[in-house]
Protein backbone atom coordinates (compact mmCIF):
# COMPACT_ATOMS: atom_id res chain seq x y z
CA MET A 1 0.00 0.00 0.00
CA GLN A 2 1.04 3.62 -0.51
CA HIS A 3 1.66 5.45 2.75
CA SER A 4 1.44 9.17 3.27
CA ALA A 5 4.66 11.06 4.00
CA VAL A 6 3.76 11.46 7.67
CA LEU A 7 2.93 7.78 8.10
CA ASN A 8 6.27 6.85 6.53
CA VAL A 9 7.97 9.04 9.12
CA MET A 10 6.09 7.25 11.91
CA ILE A 11 6.92 3.82 10.52
CA LYS A 12 10.62 4.67 10.25
CA ALA A 13 10.69 5.92 13.85
CA ALA A 14 8.88 2.86 15.20
CA GLN A 15 11.08 0.42 13.32
CA ARG A 16 14.30 2.13 14.35
CA ALA A 17 13.31 2.07 18.03
CA GLY A 18 12.01 -1.47 17.61
CA ARG A 19 15.27 -2.81 16.22
CA ALA A 20 17.11 -1.58 19.30
CA LEU A 21 14.50 -3.11 21.60
CA LYS A 22 14.79 -6.45 19.81
CA ARG A 23 18.54 -6.43 20.41
CA ASP A 24 17.95 -5.45 24.03
CA LEU A 25 15.46 -8.30 24.47
CA GLY A 26 18.30 -10.78 24.00
CA GLU A 27 20.26 -9.01 26.71
CA VAL A 28 17.25 -9.03 29.04
CA GLU A 29 16.92 -12.79 28.58
CA HIS A 30 20.60 -13.12 29.53
CA LEU A 31 20.17 -10.89 32.60
CA GLN A 32 17.29 -13.02 33.90
CA VAL A 33 19.83 -15.42 35.42
CA SER A 34 21.87 -12.70 37.16
CA LEU A 35 21.42 -11.60 40.76
CA LYS A 36 21.18 -7.95 39.78
CA GLY A 37 18.29 -8.64 37.42
CA PRO A 38 17.25 -6.73 34.33
CA ARG A 39 15.01 -3.97 35.74
CA ASN A 40 17.49 -1.08 35.48
CA PHE A 41 18.52 -2.23 32.03
CA VAL A 42 14.90 -2.27 30.84
CA THR A 43 14.27 1.22 32.25
CA ALA A 44 17.21 2.50 30.22
CA ALA A 45 16.01 0.67 27.10
CA ASP A 46 12.54 2.22 27.50
CA ARG A 47 13.95 5.75 27.73
CA LYS A 48 16.34 5.17 24.86
CA ALA A 49 13.49 3.95 22.65
CA GLU A 50 11.42 7.06 23.39
CA GLU A 51 14.34 9.35 22.61
CA THR A 52 14.94 7.50 19.34
CA VAL A 53 11.30 7.98 18.36
CA ARG A 54 11.27 11.64 19.41
CA VAL A 55 14.42 12.48 17.45
CA GLU A 56 13.20 10.69 14.30
CA LEU A 57 9.82 12.42 14.40
CA ALA A 58 11.39 15.82 15.10
CA LYS A 59 13.60 15.54 12.03
CA ALA A 60 10.52 15.54 9.82
CA ARG A 61 8.06 17.58 11.90
CA PRO A 62 10.07 19.76 14.34
CA ASP A 63 7.11 21.99 15.21
CA TYR A 64 4.77 19.26 16.44
CA GLY A 65 4.10 18.73 20.14
CA PHE A 66 5.09 15.46 21.81
CA LEU A 67 3.52 13.39 24.59
CA GLY A 68 5.53 10.36 25.70
CA GLU A 69 5.20 7.92 28.56
CA GLU A 70 8.75 8.51 29.75
CA GLY A 71 9.42 12.16 28.95
CA GLY A 72 5.95 13.61 29.43
CA ALA A 73 4.58 16.49 27.37
CA ARG A 74 6.60 18.89 25.24
CA GLU A 75 4.88 21.83 23.63
CA GLY A 76 5.42 22.53 19.96
CA SER A 77 4.98 25.73 18.04
CA ASP A 78 2.34 23.92 15.93
CA LYS A 79 -0.57 23.77 18.36
CA SER A 80 -2.74 21.67 16.05
CA HIS A 81 -0.50 18.58 15.95
CA ARG A 82 0.89 16.33 18.65
CA TRP A 83 2.67 12.98 18.66
CA ILE A 84 1.47 10.51 21.32
CA VAL A 85 4.10 7.84 21.97
CA ASP A 86 4.53 4.72 24.05
CA PRO A 87 8.09 3.59 23.32
CA LEU A 88 7.68 0.22 25.04
CA ASP A 89 4.16 -0.95 25.75
CA GLY A 90 4.34 -4.26 27.58
CA THR A 91 7.31 -3.35 29.78
CA THR A 92 6.65 -6.20 32.21
CA ASN A 93 6.58 -8.68 29.35
CA PHE A 94 9.86 -7.25 28.05
CA LEU A 95 11.33 -7.36 31.56
CA HIS A 96 10.68 -11.11 31.69
CA GLY A 97 11.87 -11.80 28.16
CA ILE A 98 8.36 -12.36 26.83
CA PRO A 99 8.27 -11.32 23.14
CA HIS A 100 4.94 -9.51 23.35
CA PHE A 101 5.54 -5.75 23.43
CA ALA A 102 5.29 -2.85 21.02
CA VAL A 103 6.30 0.63 20.01
CA SER A 104 3.19 2.77 19.60
CA ILE A 105 3.03 6.13 17.81
CA ALA A 106 -0.09 8.18 17.12
CA LEU A 107 -0.57 11.56 15.49
CA GLU A 108 -3.23 13.80 16.98
CA ARG A 109 -4.60 16.69 14.91
CA ASP A 110 -6.90 19.20 16.60
CA GLY A 111 -7.83 16.64 19.26
CA ALA A 112 -8.51 13.73 16.87
CA ILE A 113 -6.20 10.78 16.15
CA VAL A 114 -5.48 10.77 12.41
CA ALA A 115 -2.63 8.25 12.08
CA GLY A 116 -1.33 5.36 14.13
CA VAL A 117 1.49 2.83 14.12
CA VAL A 118 1.90 -0.18 16.42
CA TYR A 119 5.04 -2.25 15.87
CA ASN A 120 6.04 -5.48 17.61
CA PRO A 121 9.72 -5.92 16.74
CA ALA A 122 9.89 -9.41 18.26
CA ASN A 123 7.85 -10.86 15.38
CA ASP A 124 8.16 -7.94 12.94
CA GLU A 125 4.42 -7.20 12.86
CA LEU A 126 3.63 -3.65 11.78
CA PHE A 127 0.08 -2.35 12.21
CA VAL A 128 -0.73 1.00 10.58
CA ALA A 129 -3.80 3.14 10.00
CA GLU A 130 -4.73 6.58 8.74
CA ARG A 131 -8.12 8.13 9.24
CA GLY A 132 -10.38 7.27 6.34
CA LYS A 133 -7.84 4.97 4.67
CA GLY A 134 -8.29 1.65 6.49
CA ALA A 135 -6.03 -0.42 8.75
CA TYR A 136 -3.22 -2.72 7.67
CA LEU A 137 -0.93 -5.41 9.05
CA ASN A 138 2.33 -5.69 7.09
CA ASP A 139 0.58 -4.07 4.09
CA ARG A 140 -2.40 -6.46 4.23
CA ARG A 141 -5.83 -4.90 4.84
CA ILE A 142 -7.34 -6.02 8.14
CA ARG A 143 -10.88 -6.10 9.53
CA VAL A 144 -12.38 -6.81 12.92
CA ALA A 145 -13.86 -10.27 13.43
CA GLY A 146 -17.49 -10.73 12.45
CA ARG A 147 -18.63 -13.08 15.22
CA GLN A 148 -22.10 -12.46 16.62
CA LYS A 149 -22.19 -14.95 19.51
CA LEU A 150 -20.52 -14.30 22.85
CA ALA A 151 -20.11 -18.04 23.40
CA ASP A 152 -17.84 -18.19 20.33
CA ALA A 153 -15.79 -15.11 21.18
CA VAL A 154 -12.46 -14.46 22.89
CA VAL A 155 -12.11 -11.26 24.92
CA ALA A 156 -8.98 -9.63 26.34
CA CYS A 157 -8.72 -7.38 29.37
CA GLY A 158 -6.40 -5.70 31.82
CA MET A 159 -6.27 -6.61 35.50
CA PRO A 160 -5.40 -4.31 38.41
CA HIS A 161 -3.04 -5.67 41.04
CA PHE A 162 -2.81 -5.10 44.78
CA GLY A 163 -0.74 -2.05 45.62
CA ARG A 164 -1.01 -0.53 42.14
CA GLY A 165 -4.39 1.18 42.36
CA GLY A 166 -7.57 0.25 40.55
CA ASP A 167 -10.93 -1.01 41.77
CA LEU A 168 -10.25 -4.66 42.54
CA ALA A 169 -13.86 -5.46 43.45
CA LEU A 170 -15.11 -4.02 40.17
CA ALA A 171 -12.41 -5.87 38.23
CA ARG A 172 -13.39 -9.16 39.84
CA ALA A 173 -17.05 -8.58 38.94
CA GLU A 174 -16.17 -7.72 35.34
CA ILE A 175 -13.89 -10.72 34.95
CA ALA A 176 -16.56 -13.02 36.38
CA ALA A 177 -19.08 -11.65 33.87
CA ALA A 178 -16.64 -12.24 31.02
CA GLN A 179 -15.89 -15.78 32.19
CA ALA A 180 -19.60 -16.58 32.32
CA ASN A 181 -20.34 -15.32 28.81
CA PHE A 182 -17.32 -15.62 26.51
CA ALA A 183 -15.50 -18.65 25.13
CA GLY A 184 -12.19 -17.39 26.47
CA LEU A 185 -10.62 -14.58 28.48
CA ARG A 186 -7.04 -13.41 27.89
CA ARG A 187 -4.68 -10.99 29.62
CA TYR A 188 -1.64 -10.29 27.43
CA GLY A 189 -0.17 -7.24 29.14
CA ALA A 190 0.17 -4.78 26.23
CA ALA A 191 -2.86 -2.57 25.56
CA THR A 192 -1.66 -1.37 22.17
CA LEU A 193 -1.35 -4.94 20.92
CA ASP A 194 -4.71 -5.93 22.42
CA LEU A 195 -6.30 -3.20 20.30
CA ALA A 196 -4.26 -4.18 17.24
CA TRP A 197 -5.38 -7.78 17.69
CA VAL A 198 -9.01 -6.67 17.85
CA ALA A 199 -8.43 -4.75 14.62
CA CYS A 200 -7.08 -7.82 12.80
CA GLY A 201 -9.70 -10.22 14.20
CA ARG A 202 -7.51 -12.29 16.53
CA LEU A 203 -9.53 -10.99 19.47
CA ASP A 204 -13.26 -10.31 19.31
CA CYS A 205 -13.28 -7.54 21.90
CA TYR A 206 -11.24 -5.93 24.65
CA TRP A 207 -11.70 -3.72 27.68
CA GLU A 208 -9.43 -2.12 30.24
CA ARG A 209 -9.56 0.70 32.77
CA ALA A 210 -7.13 3.32 34.05
CA LEU A 211 -4.97 3.56 30.94
CA SER A 212 -3.01 6.55 29.61
CA PRO A 213 -3.43 8.27 26.23
CA TRP A 214 -0.28 6.62 24.82
CA ASP A 215 -1.73 3.19 25.65
CA VAL A 216 -4.78 3.61 23.42
CA ALA A 217 -4.23 6.42 20.89
CA ALA A 218 -2.75 4.43 18.00
CA GLY A 219 -4.63 1.20 18.71
CA SER A 220 -8.03 2.86 18.89
CA LEU A 221 -7.57 4.23 15.36
CA LEU A 222 -6.59 0.76 14.14
CA VAL A 223 -9.86 -0.65 15.47
CA ARG A 224 -11.98 2.13 13.97
CA GLU A 225 -10.30 1.90 10.58
CA ALA A 226 -10.78 -1.89 10.66
CA GLY A 227 -14.54 -1.42 10.99
CA GLY A 228 -14.78 -1.69 14.76
CA PHE A 229 -16.20 0.45 17.54
CA VAL A 230 -14.33 2.09 20.40
CA SER A 231 -15.63 3.92 23.48
CA ASP A 232 -15.02 4.26 27.18
CA CYS A 233 -16.70 1.83 29.57
CA ASP A 234 -19.82 4.01 29.70
CA GLY A 235 -20.21 3.99 25.94
CA LYS A 236 -18.90 7.55 25.55
CA GLY A 237 -16.17 8.68 23.21
CA ASP A 238 -13.65 10.42 25.46
CA TYR A 239 -11.48 7.39 26.27
CA LEU A 240 -8.24 9.32 25.76
CA LYS A 241 -9.13 11.38 28.85
CA SER A 242 -11.05 8.80 30.89
CA GLY A 243 -8.45 6.06 30.39
CA ASP A 244 -11.18 3.41 30.14
CA ILE A 245 -11.70 1.64 26.82
CA VAL A 246 -13.96 -0.95 25.17
CA ALA A 247 -13.35 -2.15 21.61
CA GLY A 248 -14.89 -4.71 19.25
CA ASN A 249 -17.26 -5.10 16.33
CA ASP A 250 -20.70 -3.51 16.63
CA PHE A 251 -22.30 -6.49 18.36
CA MET A 252 -19.39 -7.36 20.66
CA HIS A 253 -18.85 -3.74 21.65
CA ARG A 254 -22.51 -3.30 22.54
CA GLU A 255 -22.75 -6.59 24.47
CA LEU A 256 -19.50 -6.02 26.35
CA LEU A 257 -20.72 -2.59 27.44
CA ARG A 258 -23.90 -4.24 28.73
CA LEU A 259 -21.94 -6.84 30.70
CA LEU A 260 -19.67 -4.20 32.20
CA LYS A 261 -22.66 -2.13 33.28
CA GLU A 262 -24.22 -5.16 34.94
CA ALA A 263 -20.92 -6.02 36.63
CA ALA A 264 -20.59 -2.47 37.96
CA SER A 265 -24.10 -2.67 39.40
CA GLU A 266 -23.31 -6.00 41.07
CA ALA A 267 -20.04 -4.68 42.48
CA GLY A 268 -21.88 -1.67 43.91
CA LYS A 269 -24.50 -3.87 45.56
CA SER A 270 -21.77 -6.09 47.02
CA ALA A 271 -19.98 -3.06 48.47
CA ILE A 272 -23.23 -1.89 50.10
CA ARG A 273 -23.82 -5.34 51.60
CA GLN A 274 -20.30 -5.47 53.01
CA ALA A 275 -20.58 -1.97 54.44
CA SER A 276 -23.86 -2.80 56.19
CA ALA A 277 -22.73 -6.18 57.53
CA PRO A 278 -22.27 -6.32 61.34
């Protein structure tokens, strides 16, 4: 497929950062057996990847703003455009030598995501999308899955952990609802790839709460351009600000929203019962 000039810039940046991460993955696997462990090394790799992406993007579009997971926000003289970057989504996977992580780059124009790239260097899978031009995996057009039965579908999610924030009671209620209705439930640990996998039909739907803009910006465009639907967990559109996201085809998106609403109601009732118990 023919890419626009700006998408080519994004692809080049993602692939350059990705090549370094792939080399670093081999070193992480080696460090797993050491007493020191790989955590400091991975932190450095994460920051290096973001700087690589920032420099590559700035060469082509020096006036654009930049929002990155590691470096935070940098204002640009062009107030209409901003890059939103996660240089290493799936850090915990990377830390453990699990080859499921990605570089994610999105371009925001006047508050709307207009281009997105998600690249997993471990298996050289490149997902790209531009608004109005469709979504692609390694230059092959992709579409969301067409399943219309929950009992045939596989759903992915995120899970909060003790000591890291998040509503554990609500998460347990949502997971229980998913287990009771879907064929399978998965937790892969990289939000950008969960969304990319919804876009290419490997997953039927996905939800997660308490995410950051760089976790969902590029992936949400992939899903939309692949014919899917994306919203927050209340069915509203401001998931970049809320940090809560639900994605799938029309049917799966609608049904997952219903299940999440029911789970939230059940979690609320349970909290009231516990509070009133002697």
